[in-house]
Amino acid sequence: MLNTVKQWLGQIIEVGLLLIAIGIVLQVLFGRMVGFITGDIVGNLIAIIQQLGDGGLVGLIAIGIILWLFQRRAAM
C-alpha cells in the first residue's frame, strides 16, 4: 500500500513539474500576461534563486539538495 501511495505522489509531482515547465516556456514566449496562467512563474523562480544566492553556503547546500532530489526522482 505504501508503494502505491509513493507512486501516486511521484506522478503528481511529475505533473506539477511539467506544468511549471510549460508555464515558464509560455511566459518566455508570450510575456507575463499569459491568459490562463495566474501569477508570475518566472519572477517567482528568479526570486527563489536570488534568495538562495544571498544565503551563501546555506543557499549552495539547498540548491545541491534540490538537484539531488530531482536527479534521484529522474533515476526512478
C-alpha atoms as a PDB file:
ATOM      1  CA  MET A   1       0.000   0.000   0.000  1.00  0.00           C
ATOM      2  CA  LEU A   2       2.858   2.379   0.824  1.00  0.00           C
ATOM      3  CA  ASN A   3       4.439   1.769  -2.580  1.00  0.00           C
ATOM      4  CA  THR A   4       1.150   2.642  -4.271  1.00  0.00           C
ATOM      5  CA  VAL A   5       0.950   5.923  -2.369  1.00  0.00           C
ATOM      6  CA  LYS A   6       4.593   6.729  -3.234  1.00  0.00           C
ATOM      7  CA  GLN A   7       3.963   6.052  -6.914  1.00  0.00           C
ATOM      8  CA  TRP A   8       0.811   8.168  -6.873  1.00  0.00           C
ATOM      9  CA  LEU A   9       2.592  11.088  -5.188  1.00  0.00           C
ATOM     10  CA  GLY A  10       5.511  10.736  -7.592  1.00  0.00           C
ATOM     11  CA  GLN A  11       3.166  11.020 -10.554  1.00  0.00           C
ATOM     12  CA  ILE A  12       1.504  14.106  -9.057  1.00  0.00           C
ATOM     13  CA  ILE A  13       4.925  15.719  -8.611  1.00  0.00           C
ATOM     14  CA  GLU A  14       5.851  14.895 -12.215  1.00  0.00           C
ATOM     15  CA  VAL A  15       2.649  16.525 -13.479  1.00  0.00           C
ATOM     16  CA  GLY A  16       3.351  19.583 -11.330  1.00  0.00           C
ATOM     17  CA  LEU A  17       6.879  19.906 -12.701  1.00  0.00           C
ATOM     18  CA  LEU A  18       5.566  19.593 -16.246  1.00  0.00           C
ATOM     19  CA  LEU A  19       3.013  22.340 -15.594  1.00  0.00           C
ATOM     20  CA  ILE A  20       5.740  24.581 -14.202  1.00  0.00           C
ATOM     21  CA  ALA A  21       7.917  23.918 -17.256  1.00  0.00           C
ATOM     22  CA  ILE A  22       5.026  24.735 -19.597  1.00  0.00           C
ATOM     23  CA  GLY A  23       4.320  27.921 -17.647  1.00  0.00           C
ATOM     24  CA  ILE A  24       7.955  29.011 -17.932  1.00  0.00           C
ATOM     25  CA  VAL A  25       8.042  28.390 -21.674  1.00  0.00           C
ATOM     26  CA  LEU A  26       4.772  30.262 -22.220  1.00  0.00           C
ATOM     27  CA  GLN A  27       5.920  33.230 -20.166  1.00  0.00           C
ATOM     28  CA  VAL A  28       9.224  33.389 -22.028  1.00  0.00           C
ATOM     29  CA  LEU A  29       7.445  33.245 -25.390  1.00  0.00           C
ATOM     30  CA  PHE A  30       4.429  35.461 -24.709  1.00  0.00           C
ATOM     31  CA  GLY A  31       5.427  37.580 -21.735  1.00  0.00           C
ATOM     32  CA  ARG A  32       3.997  37.799 -18.256  1.00  0.00           C
ATOM     33  CA  MET A  33       0.370  38.143 -19.276  1.00  0.00           C
ATOM     34  CA  VAL A  34      -0.486  34.645 -20.449  1.00  0.00           C
ATOM     35  CA  GLY A  35      -4.266  34.375 -20.198  1.00  0.00           C
ATOM     36  CA  PHE A  36      -4.724  31.189 -18.209  1.00  0.00           C
ATOM     37  CA  ILE A  37      -1.611  31.391 -16.027  1.00  0.00           C
ATOM     38  CA  THR A  38      -2.145  33.345 -12.856  1.00  0.00           C
ATOM     39  CA  GLY A  39       0.941  34.732 -11.202  1.00  0.00           C
ATOM     40  CA  ASP A  40       4.470  35.291 -12.396  1.00  0.00           C
ATOM     41  CA  ILE A  41       6.216  31.905 -12.549  1.00  0.00           C
ATOM     42  CA  VAL A  42       9.483  33.233 -13.971  1.00  0.00           C
ATOM     43  CA  GLY A  43       9.559  36.103 -11.466  1.00  0.00           C
ATOM     44  CA  ASN A  44       8.956  33.715  -8.590  1.00  0.00           C
ATOM     45  CA  LEU A  45      11.756  31.407  -9.743  1.00  0.00           C
ATOM     46  CA  ILE A  46      14.138  34.336 -10.071  1.00  0.00           C
ATOM     47  CA  ALA A  47      13.228  35.463  -6.534  1.00  0.00           C
ATOM     48  CA  ILE A  48      13.854  31.972  -5.145  1.00  0.00           C
ATOM     49  CA  ILE A  49      17.200  31.705  -6.906  1.00  0.00           C
ATOM     50  CA  GLN A  50      18.177  35.160  -5.652  1.00  0.00           C
ATOM     51  CA  GLN A  51      17.264  34.241  -2.071  1.00  0.00           C
ATOM     52  CA  LEU A  52      19.298  31.042  -2.306  1.00  0.00           C
ATOM     53  CA  GLY A  53      22.221  33.005  -3.737  1.00  0.00           C
ATOM     54  CA  ASP A  54      22.011  35.542  -0.924  1.00  0.00           C
ATOM     55  CA  GLY A  55      22.163  32.670   1.558  1.00  0.00           C
ATOM     56  CA  GLY A  56      25.799  31.937   0.693  1.00  0.00           C
ATOM     57  CA  LEU A  57      26.863  28.454   1.761  1.00  0.00           C
ATOM     58  CA  VAL A  58      23.401  27.572   3.044  1.00  0.00           C
ATOM     59  CA  GLY A  59      21.965  28.501  -0.367  1.00  0.00           C
ATOM     60  CA  LEU A  60      24.506  26.314  -2.145  1.00  0.00           C
ATOM     61  CA  ILE A  61      23.672  23.395   0.116  1.00  0.00           C
ATOM     62  CA  ALA A  62      19.941  23.926  -0.507  1.00  0.00           C
ATOM     63  CA  ILE A  63      20.498  24.000  -4.282  1.00  0.00           C
ATOM     64  CA  GLY A  64      22.568  20.826  -4.014  1.00  0.00           C
ATOM     65  CA  ILE A  65      19.809  19.053  -2.095  1.00  0.00           C
ATOM     66  CA  ILE A  66      17.159  20.179  -4.577  1.00  0.00           C
ATOM     67  CA  LEU A  67      19.234  18.984  -7.547  1.00  0.00           C
ATOM     68  CA  TRP A  68      19.931  15.681  -5.802  1.00  0.00           C
ATOM     69  CA  LEU A  69      16.208  15.148  -5.235  1.00  0.00           C
ATOM     70  CA  PHE A  70      15.413  15.883  -8.900  1.00  0.00           C
ATOM     71  CA  GLN A  71      18.162  13.536 -10.119  1.00  0.00           C
ATOM     72  CA  ARG A  72      17.061  10.837  -7.704  1.00  0.00           C
ATOM     73  CA  ARG A  73      13.475  11.150  -8.932  1.00  0.00           C
ATOM     74  CA  ALA A  74      14.572  11.042 -12.596  1.00  0.00           C
ATOM     75  CA  ALA A  75      16.538   7.827 -11.956  1.00  0.00           C
ATOM     76  CA  MET A  76      13.471   6.032 -10.582  1.00  0.00           C
END
